[in-house]
Amino acid sequence: METSIPVFICCELSNKAKKWTENDKSYKLISNFNDYINFRRALRKVENFQVLAMERGEENEVLTWKVEVNQAESEHPGNSLRVAPMHLDLFLTALRDSIFRLFIPKIQRTIRRLLIARAEEAAISCFAHNLRQLFWREGIKADTVIALDPGYAACKAALLTSTGWSASPSNNGLPMP
């Protein structure tokens, strides 16, 4: 995503998370997003996984992130209009208002929407690529297989025998250390 004006992605701890204490259940979530507290990076250097992480942090009310647009005034289409000198003050006031109230927020919303869409598309593409590689592999015959699915709060396990019989040690999963 290239622009002629400087655009930065900024992320910080949310106001709600700043009020949390160590006794709060949600306080532990902050450590999951340490890399994104006081995060500031140029738009072209932000990776897709970072956008998705900031989105998750915002959904969990740990982070707030925004698109910071600098020097957008020079790109506004109204700057190229010629105005009679007697109306210049009124025009410049209206132009400044439209830039800061309408133009910049529109740019911010559009960039944010495009970043999220790009990141989600890349994540789906990566998942599809990895899944395709798994499906291309030859199946395992005459062996017993244990499958582990590490999750956020627990690790689920399944046992498959060579006859296709499956056994699951617990329905809830094993707690993560």
Protein backbone atom coordinates (compact mmCIF):
# COMPACT_ATOMS: atom_id res chain seq x y z
CA MET A 1 0.00 0.00 0.00
CA GLU A 2 1.78 3.14 -1.21
CA THR A 3 0.80 6.72 -0.47
CA SER A 4 2.37 10.07 -1.19
CA ILE A 5 1.74 11.26 2.37
CA PRO A 6 3.26 9.79 5.55
CA VAL A 7 0.90 7.25 7.12
CA PHE A 8 1.65 5.41 10.36
CA ILE A 9 -0.08 2.65 12.27
CA CYS A 10 -0.16 3.41 16.00
CA CYS A 11 -1.24 1.07 18.77
CA GLU A 12 -1.41 1.53 22.51
CA LEU A 13 -2.95 0.09 25.64
CA SER A 14 -6.68 0.84 25.81
CA ASN A 15 -8.04 3.15 28.50
CA LYS A 16 -9.96 0.22 29.96
CA ALA A 17 -6.81 -1.94 30.16
CA LYS A 18 -4.86 0.90 31.80
CA LYS A 19 -7.29 0.72 34.73
CA TRP A 20 -6.88 -3.03 35.26
CA THR A 21 -4.97 -4.22 38.32
CA GLU A 22 -3.07 -7.46 38.83
CA ASN A 23 -6.12 -8.90 40.61
CA ASP A 24 -8.34 -8.53 37.53
CA LYS A 25 -8.91 -11.64 35.44
CA SER A 26 -8.31 -9.70 32.22
CA TYR A 27 -4.96 -8.31 33.41
CA LYS A 28 -3.17 -11.44 32.15
CA LEU A 29 -4.27 -10.61 28.59
CA ILE A 30 -1.94 -7.60 28.54
CA SER A 31 1.15 -9.82 28.43
CA ASN A 32 -0.15 -11.42 25.20
CA PHE A 33 0.06 -8.06 23.45
CA ASN A 34 3.29 -6.57 24.89
CA ASP A 35 4.78 -6.16 21.40
CA TYR A 36 1.96 -3.81 20.41
CA ILE A 37 1.92 -1.48 23.39
CA ASN A 38 3.32 1.88 22.17
CA PHE A 39 3.65 0.40 18.67
CA ARG A 40 4.23 2.88 15.83
CA ARG A 41 5.26 1.82 12.35
CA ALA A 42 5.06 3.20 8.82
CA LEU A 43 2.15 1.80 6.85
CA ARG A 44 4.34 0.08 4.27
CA LYS A 45 6.29 -1.75 7.01
CA VAL A 46 3.30 -3.21 8.87
CA GLU A 47 2.95 -6.97 8.40
CA ASN A 48 -0.35 -8.82 8.07
CA PHE A 49 0.13 -10.80 11.28
CA GLN A 50 0.62 -7.52 13.16
CA VAL A 51 -2.68 -6.15 11.88
CA LEU A 52 -4.47 -9.33 12.95
CA ALA A 53 -2.81 -9.24 16.39
CA MET A 54 -3.83 -5.61 16.91
CA GLU A 55 -7.39 -6.48 15.86
CA ARG A 56 -7.46 -9.35 18.39
CA GLY A 57 -6.12 -7.00 21.05
CA GLU A 58 -8.85 -4.50 20.26
CA GLU A 59 -11.54 -7.21 20.38
CA ASN A 60 -10.26 -8.21 23.84
CA GLU A 61 -10.33 -4.52 24.87
CA VAL A 62 -6.59 -4.59 25.61
CA LEU A 63 -5.41 -2.39 22.72
CA THR A 64 -6.62 0.46 20.59
CA TRP A 65 -5.04 1.05 17.22
CA LYS A 66 -5.46 3.74 14.64
CA VAL A 67 -4.17 5.01 11.35
CA GLU A 68 -2.26 8.27 11.72
CA VAL A 69 -2.32 10.41 8.57
CA ASN A 70 0.14 13.31 8.43
CA GLN A 71 0.15 16.18 5.94
CA ALA A 72 -3.11 15.11 4.31
CA GLU A 73 -4.09 18.75 3.82
CA SER A 74 -1.81 18.99 0.78
CA GLU A 75 -3.66 16.15 -0.97
CA HIS A 76 -7.19 17.52 -0.52
CA PRO A 77 -8.85 18.19 -3.91
CA GLY A 78 -10.12 21.57 -2.66
CA ASN A 79 -6.59 22.98 -2.62
CA SER A 80 -6.53 23.25 -6.39
CA LEU A 81 -9.69 25.38 -6.60
CA ARG A 82 -9.44 29.07 -7.40
CA VAL A 83 -11.52 31.30 -5.15
CA ALA A 84 -12.25 35.02 -5.32
CA PRO A 85 -10.29 36.96 -2.66
CA MET A 86 -13.46 38.22 -0.97
CA HIS A 87 -14.56 34.60 -0.27
CA LEU A 88 -11.11 33.24 0.55
CA ASP A 89 -11.48 33.30 4.37
CA LEU A 90 -14.82 31.51 4.27
CA PHE A 91 -13.49 29.00 1.76
CA LEU A 92 -10.33 28.25 3.80
CA THR A 93 -12.39 27.78 6.97
CA ALA A 94 -14.71 25.36 5.18
CA LEU A 95 -11.75 23.60 3.57
CA ARG A 96 -9.97 23.10 6.92
CA ASP A 97 -13.20 21.83 8.46
CA SER A 98 -13.76 19.35 5.63
CA ILE A 99 -10.15 18.15 5.85
CA PHE A 100 -10.14 17.44 9.58
CA ARG A 101 -13.76 16.39 10.03
CA LEU A 102 -14.37 14.43 6.82
CA PHE A 103 -11.32 13.89 4.59
CA ILE A 104 -8.77 12.55 7.11
CA PRO A 105 -11.26 10.26 8.94
CA LYS A 106 -12.35 8.84 5.55
CA ILE A 107 -8.72 8.10 4.66
CA GLN A 108 -8.18 6.48 8.08
CA ARG A 109 -11.28 4.27 7.81
CA THR A 110 -10.41 3.22 4.26
CA ILE A 111 -6.80 2.34 5.08
CA ARG A 112 -7.85 0.42 8.18
CA ARG A 113 -10.51 -1.51 6.24
CA LEU A 114 -8.02 -2.35 3.47
CA LEU A 115 -5.35 -3.45 5.98
CA ILE A 116 -7.77 -5.78 7.77
CA ALA A 117 -9.07 -7.23 4.50
CA ARG A 118 -5.52 -7.79 3.22
CA ALA A 119 -4.44 -9.44 6.49
CA GLU A 120 -7.48 -11.73 6.63
CA GLU A 121 -7.00 -12.73 3.00
CA ALA A 122 -3.31 -13.52 3.64
CA ALA A 123 -4.20 -15.61 6.71
CA ILE A 124 -6.76 -17.64 4.74
CA SER A 125 -4.28 -18.09 1.89
CA CYS A 126 -1.58 -19.30 4.31
CA PHE A 127 -4.01 -21.72 5.97
CA ALA A 128 -5.11 -23.06 2.57
CA HIS A 129 -1.47 -23.54 1.50
CA ASN A 130 -0.64 -25.44 4.70
CA LEU A 131 -3.80 -27.55 4.45
CA ARG A 132 -3.10 -28.36 0.80
CA GLN A 133 0.36 -29.68 1.78
CA LEU A 134 -1.22 -31.91 4.42
CA PHE A 135 -3.77 -33.32 1.98
CA TRP A 136 -1.08 -34.10 -0.61
CA ARG A 137 0.77 -36.33 1.84
CA GLU A 138 0.32 -40.06 1.69
CA GLY A 139 -1.81 -41.52 4.46
CA ILE A 140 -0.31 -43.46 7.36
CA LYS A 141 -1.13 -47.18 7.17
CA ALA A 142 -0.79 -49.81 9.90
CA ASP A 143 0.38 -47.31 12.51
CA THR A 144 -1.18 -45.81 15.59
CA VAL A 145 -1.26 -42.03 15.57
CA ILE A 146 -1.71 -39.57 18.40
CA ALA A 147 -2.95 -36.14 17.37
CA LEU A 148 -2.39 -33.09 19.58
CA ASP A 149 -4.21 -29.81 19.17
CA PRO A 150 -2.64 -27.13 21.39
CA GLY A 151 -5.24 -24.53 22.17
CA TYR A 152 -5.31 -21.30 24.12
CA ALA A 153 -6.42 -22.84 27.42
CA ALA A 154 -6.09 -26.59 26.86
CA CYS A 155 -4.42 -29.18 24.65
CA LYS A 156 -6.80 -31.66 23.04
CA ALA A 157 -5.54 -35.15 22.17
CA ALA A 158 -6.91 -37.99 20.04
CA LEU A 159 -5.61 -41.50 19.44
CA LEU A 160 -6.23 -43.27 16.11
CA THR A 161 -5.40 -46.95 15.71
CA SER A 162 -4.54 -48.66 12.45
CA THR A 163 -8.10 -50.01 12.26
CA GLY A 164 -9.57 -46.52 12.41
CA TRP A 165 -10.77 -46.75 15.99
CA SER A 166 -10.33 -43.52 17.90
CA ALA A 167 -10.04 -42.87 21.59
CA SER A 168 -10.06 -39.49 23.25
CA PRO A 169 -8.58 -39.34 26.78
CA SER A 170 -10.83 -36.47 27.85
CA ASN A 171 -13.55 -34.36 26.34
CA ASN A 172 -12.31 -31.16 27.96
CA GLY A 173 -8.68 -31.42 26.94
CA LEU A 174 -5.57 -31.36 29.04
CA PRO A 175 -4.86 -28.06 30.84
CA MET A 176 -1.95 -26.05 29.48
CA PRO A 177 0.97 -25.54 31.89
